[in-house]
C-alpha atoms as a PDB file:
ATOM      1  CA  UNK A   1     100.422 -44.900 123.396  1.00  0.00           C
ATOM      2  CA  UNK A   2      99.258 -44.289 119.921  1.00  0.00           C
ATOM      3  CA  UNK A   3      95.877 -46.269 120.120  1.00  0.00           C
ATOM      4  CA  UNK A   4      92.845 -46.076 122.439  1.00  0.00           C
ATOM      5  CA  UNK A   5      93.091 -47.973 125.701  1.00  0.00           C
ATOM      6  CA  UNK A   6      90.302 -48.720 127.951  1.00  0.00           C
ATOM      7  CA  UNK A   7      89.853 -46.578 131.171  1.00  0.00           C
ATOM      8  CA  UNK A   8      89.339 -48.791 134.189  1.00  0.00           C
ATOM      9  CA  UNK A   9      88.942 -48.513 138.004  1.00  0.00           C
ATOM     10  CA  UNK A  10      89.569 -51.210 140.372  1.00  0.00           C
ATOM     11  CA  UNK A  11      86.113 -52.938 139.837  1.00  0.00           C
ATOM     12  CA  UNK A  12      86.370 -52.815 136.031  1.00  0.00           C
ATOM     13  CA  UNK A  13      90.023 -54.186 136.094  1.00  0.00           C
ATOM     14  CA  UNK A  14      88.651 -57.405 137.616  1.00  0.00           C
ATOM     15  CA  UNK A  15      86.428 -57.824 134.451  1.00  0.00           C
ATOM     16  CA  UNK A  16      89.466 -57.466 131.952  1.00  0.00           C
ATOM     17  CA  UNK A  17      91.212 -60.253 130.408  1.00  0.00           C
ATOM     18  CA  UNK A  18      94.825 -61.314 130.737  1.00  0.00           C
ATOM     19  CA  UNK A  19      96.998 -59.195 128.536  1.00  0.00           C
ATOM     20  CA  UNK A  20      94.509 -56.539 127.859  1.00  0.00           C
ATOM     21  CA  UNK A  21      95.958 -52.978 127.803  1.00  0.00           C
ATOM     22  CA  UNK A  22      94.241 -50.643 130.296  1.00  0.00           C
ATOM     23  CA  UNK A  23      94.471 -47.082 131.669  1.00  0.00           C
ATOM     24  CA  UNK A  24      94.243 -46.616 135.307  1.00  0.00           C
ATOM     25  CA  UNK A  25      94.354 -43.539 137.500  1.00  0.00           C
ATOM     26  CA  UNK A  26      95.007 -43.644 141.073  1.00  0.00           C
ATOM     27  CA  UNK A  27      96.665 -42.445 144.106  1.00  0.00           C
ATOM     28  CA  UNK A  28     100.139 -43.981 145.126  1.00  0.00           C
ATOM     29  CA  UNK A  29      99.708 -45.918 148.416  1.00  0.00           C
ATOM     30  CA  UNK A  30     103.141 -47.609 148.143  1.00  0.00           C
ATOM     31  CA  UNK A  31     106.247 -47.608 146.124  1.00  0.00           C
ATOM     32  CA  UNK A  32     109.142 -49.994 145.858  1.00  0.00           C
ATOM     33  CA  UNK A  33     111.950 -50.552 143.376  1.00  0.00           C
ATOM     34  CA  UNK A  34     109.835 -53.107 141.211  1.00  0.00           C
ATOM     35  CA  UNK A  35     106.057 -52.409 142.337  1.00  0.00           C
ATOM     36  CA  UNK A  36     103.680 -49.916 143.358  1.00  0.00           C
ATOM     37  CA  UNK A  37     100.308 -50.098 145.039  1.00  0.00           C
ATOM     38  CA  UNK A  38      97.669 -47.570 143.810  1.00  0.00           C
ATOM     39  CA  UNK A  39      94.413 -46.679 145.116  1.00  0.00           C
ATOM     40  CA  UNK A  40      92.322 -46.754 141.979  1.00  0.00           C
ATOM     41  CA  UNK A  41      89.768 -44.108 141.476  1.00  0.00           C
ATOM     42  CA  UNK A  42      87.138 -46.176 143.153  1.00  0.00           C
ATOM     43  CA  UNK A  43      89.097 -46.767 146.187  1.00  0.00           C
ATOM     44  CA  UNK A  44      90.121 -50.501 145.084  1.00  0.00           C
ATOM     45  CA  UNK A  45      93.731 -51.238 145.636  1.00  0.00           C
ATOM     46  CA  UNK A  46      95.677 -52.315 142.432  1.00  0.00           C
ATOM     47  CA  UNK A  47      99.159 -53.804 142.372  1.00  0.00           C
ATOM     48  CA  UNK A  48     101.364 -52.300 139.412  1.00  0.00           C
ATOM     49  CA  UNK A  49     104.220 -54.036 138.333  1.00  0.00           C
ATOM     50  CA  UNK A  50     106.944 -51.246 137.513  1.00  0.00           C
ATOM     51  CA  UNK A  51     109.144 -51.336 134.196  1.00  0.00           C
ATOM     52  CA  UNK A  52     112.721 -50.307 134.501  1.00  0.00           C
ATOM     53  CA  UNK A  53     111.944 -46.921 133.181  1.00  0.00           C
ATOM     54  CA  UNK A  54     109.121 -46.086 135.734  1.00  0.00           C
ATOM     55  CA  UNK A  55     109.362 -42.539 137.118  1.00  0.00           C
ATOM     56  CA  UNK A  56     106.340 -42.434 139.367  1.00  0.00           C
ATOM     57  CA  UNK A  57     107.216 -39.175 141.838  1.00  0.00           C
ATOM     58  CA  UNK A  58     103.785 -37.664 142.139  1.00  0.00           C
ATOM     59  CA  UNK A  59     101.030 -38.526 144.613  1.00  0.00           C
ATOM     60  CA  UNK A  60      98.643 -39.302 141.824  1.00  0.00           C
ATOM     61  CA  UNK A  61      99.561 -41.031 138.496  1.00  0.00           C
ATOM     62  CA  UNK A  62      97.835 -42.613 135.441  1.00  0.00           C
ATOM     63  CA  UNK A  63      99.408 -45.887 134.450  1.00  0.00           C
ATOM     64  CA  UNK A  64      98.826 -47.793 131.086  1.00  0.00           C
ATOM     65  CA  UNK A  65      99.575 -51.344 131.298  1.00  0.00           C
ATOM     66  CA  UNK A  66      98.805 -55.108 130.499  1.00  0.00           C
ATOM     67  CA  UNK A  67      96.469 -57.023 132.816  1.00  0.00           C
ATOM     68  CA  UNK A  68      98.153 -59.634 134.769  1.00  0.00           C
ATOM     69  CA  UNK A  69      95.334 -60.646 137.332  1.00  0.00           C
ATOM     70  CA  UNK A  70      92.279 -59.250 138.542  1.00  0.00           C
ATOM     71  CA  UNK A  71      93.968 -56.722 140.586  1.00  0.00           C
ATOM     72  CA  UNK A  72      97.396 -56.425 138.934  1.00  0.00           C
ATOM     73  CA  UNK A  73      98.829 -54.436 135.982  1.00  0.00           C
ATOM     74  CA  UNK A  74     102.213 -54.478 134.369  1.00  0.00           C
ATOM     75  CA  UNK A  75     103.322 -50.980 133.544  1.00  0.00           C
ATOM     76  CA  UNK A  76     103.995 -50.020 129.958  1.00  0.00           C
ATOM     77  CA  UNK A  77     104.025 -46.350 130.578  1.00  0.00           C
ATOM     78  CA  UNK A  78     102.875 -43.764 133.026  1.00  0.00           C
ATOM     79  CA  UNK A  79     102.306 -40.035 133.599  1.00  0.00           C
ATOM     80  CA  UNK A  80     102.601 -38.520 136.810  1.00  0.00           C
ATOM     81  CA  UNK A  81      99.499 -36.308 137.561  1.00  0.00           C
ATOM     82  CA  UNK A  82     100.520 -33.989 140.360  1.00  0.00           C
ATOM     83  CA  UNK A  83      99.818 -33.858 144.021  1.00  0.00           C
ATOM     84  CA  UNK A  84      96.085 -33.010 143.806  1.00  0.00           C
ATOM     85  CA  UNK A  85      93.504 -34.836 141.843  1.00  0.00           C
ATOM     86  CA  UNK A  86      89.777 -35.506 142.459  1.00  0.00           C
ATOM     87  CA  UNK A  87      89.509 -39.376 142.499  1.00  0.00           C
ATOM     88  CA  UNK A  88      85.746 -38.988 142.580  1.00  0.00           C
ATOM     89  CA  UNK A  89      85.602 -37.119 139.349  1.00  0.00           C
ATOM     90  CA  UNK A  90      88.271 -39.526 137.660  1.00  0.00           C
ATOM     91  CA  UNK A  91      86.143 -42.269 138.494  1.00  0.00           C
ATOM     92  CA  UNK A  92      83.218 -40.447 137.101  1.00  0.00           C
ATOM     93  CA  UNK A  93      85.217 -40.325 133.787  1.00  0.00           C
ATOM     94  CA  UNK A  94      85.807 -43.906 133.955  1.00  0.00           C
ATOM     95  CA  UNK A  95      82.070 -44.566 134.246  1.00  0.00           C
ATOM     96  CA  UNK A  96      81.149 -42.092 131.345  1.00  0.00           C
ATOM     97  CA  UNK A  97      83.928 -43.938 129.187  1.00  0.00           C
ATOM     98  CA  UNK A  98      82.126 -47.266 129.721  1.00  0.00           C
ATOM     99  CA  UNK A  99      78.609 -45.682 129.291  1.00  0.00           C
ATOM    100  CA  UNK A 100      79.337 -43.717 126.070  1.00  0.00           C
ATOM    101  CA  UNK A 101      81.949 -45.757 124.143  1.00  0.00           C
ATOM    102  CA  UNK A 102      81.102 -43.522 121.145  1.00  0.00           C
ATOM    103  CA  UNK A 103      82.734 -40.619 122.782  1.00  0.00           C
ATOM    104  CA  UNK A 104      85.680 -42.820 124.331  1.00  0.00           C
ATOM    105  CA  UNK A 105      86.925 -44.930 121.533  1.00  0.00           C
ATOM    106  CA  UNK A 106      88.002 -48.490 122.714  1.00  0.00           C
ATOM    107  CA  UNK A 107      90.756 -50.469 120.999  1.00  0.00           C
ATOM    108  CA  UNK A 108      88.485 -53.319 119.629  1.00  0.00           C
ATOM    109  CA  UNK A 109      86.313 -50.554 117.619  1.00  0.00           C
ATOM    110  CA  UNK A 110      89.334 -49.461 115.515  1.00  0.00           C
ATOM    111  CA  UNK A 111      88.355 -45.872 116.092  1.00  0.00           C
END
């Protein structure tokens, strides 16, 4: 994506508005042809409606998508992140992004 997107975990996703574009890192718990369930960095399970071009193949992925509901997003794009990722560290990045928005630009700031 060519613009900043808000980094979220499962808990923060619940506070996002419908249609908002977000970025979520998680562990693939289950994968079907049209949806995946991810364990977000904070341990909350999130459903991802997959796009037709989706190629989730690793254990850990980052999904950029539109918020559908408090625990569901619709994939716009995704990135495979490998087989080893420290979710606790990823969650810390999400928390720091919320705490220091001047370091992690948000889409509403125009930065």
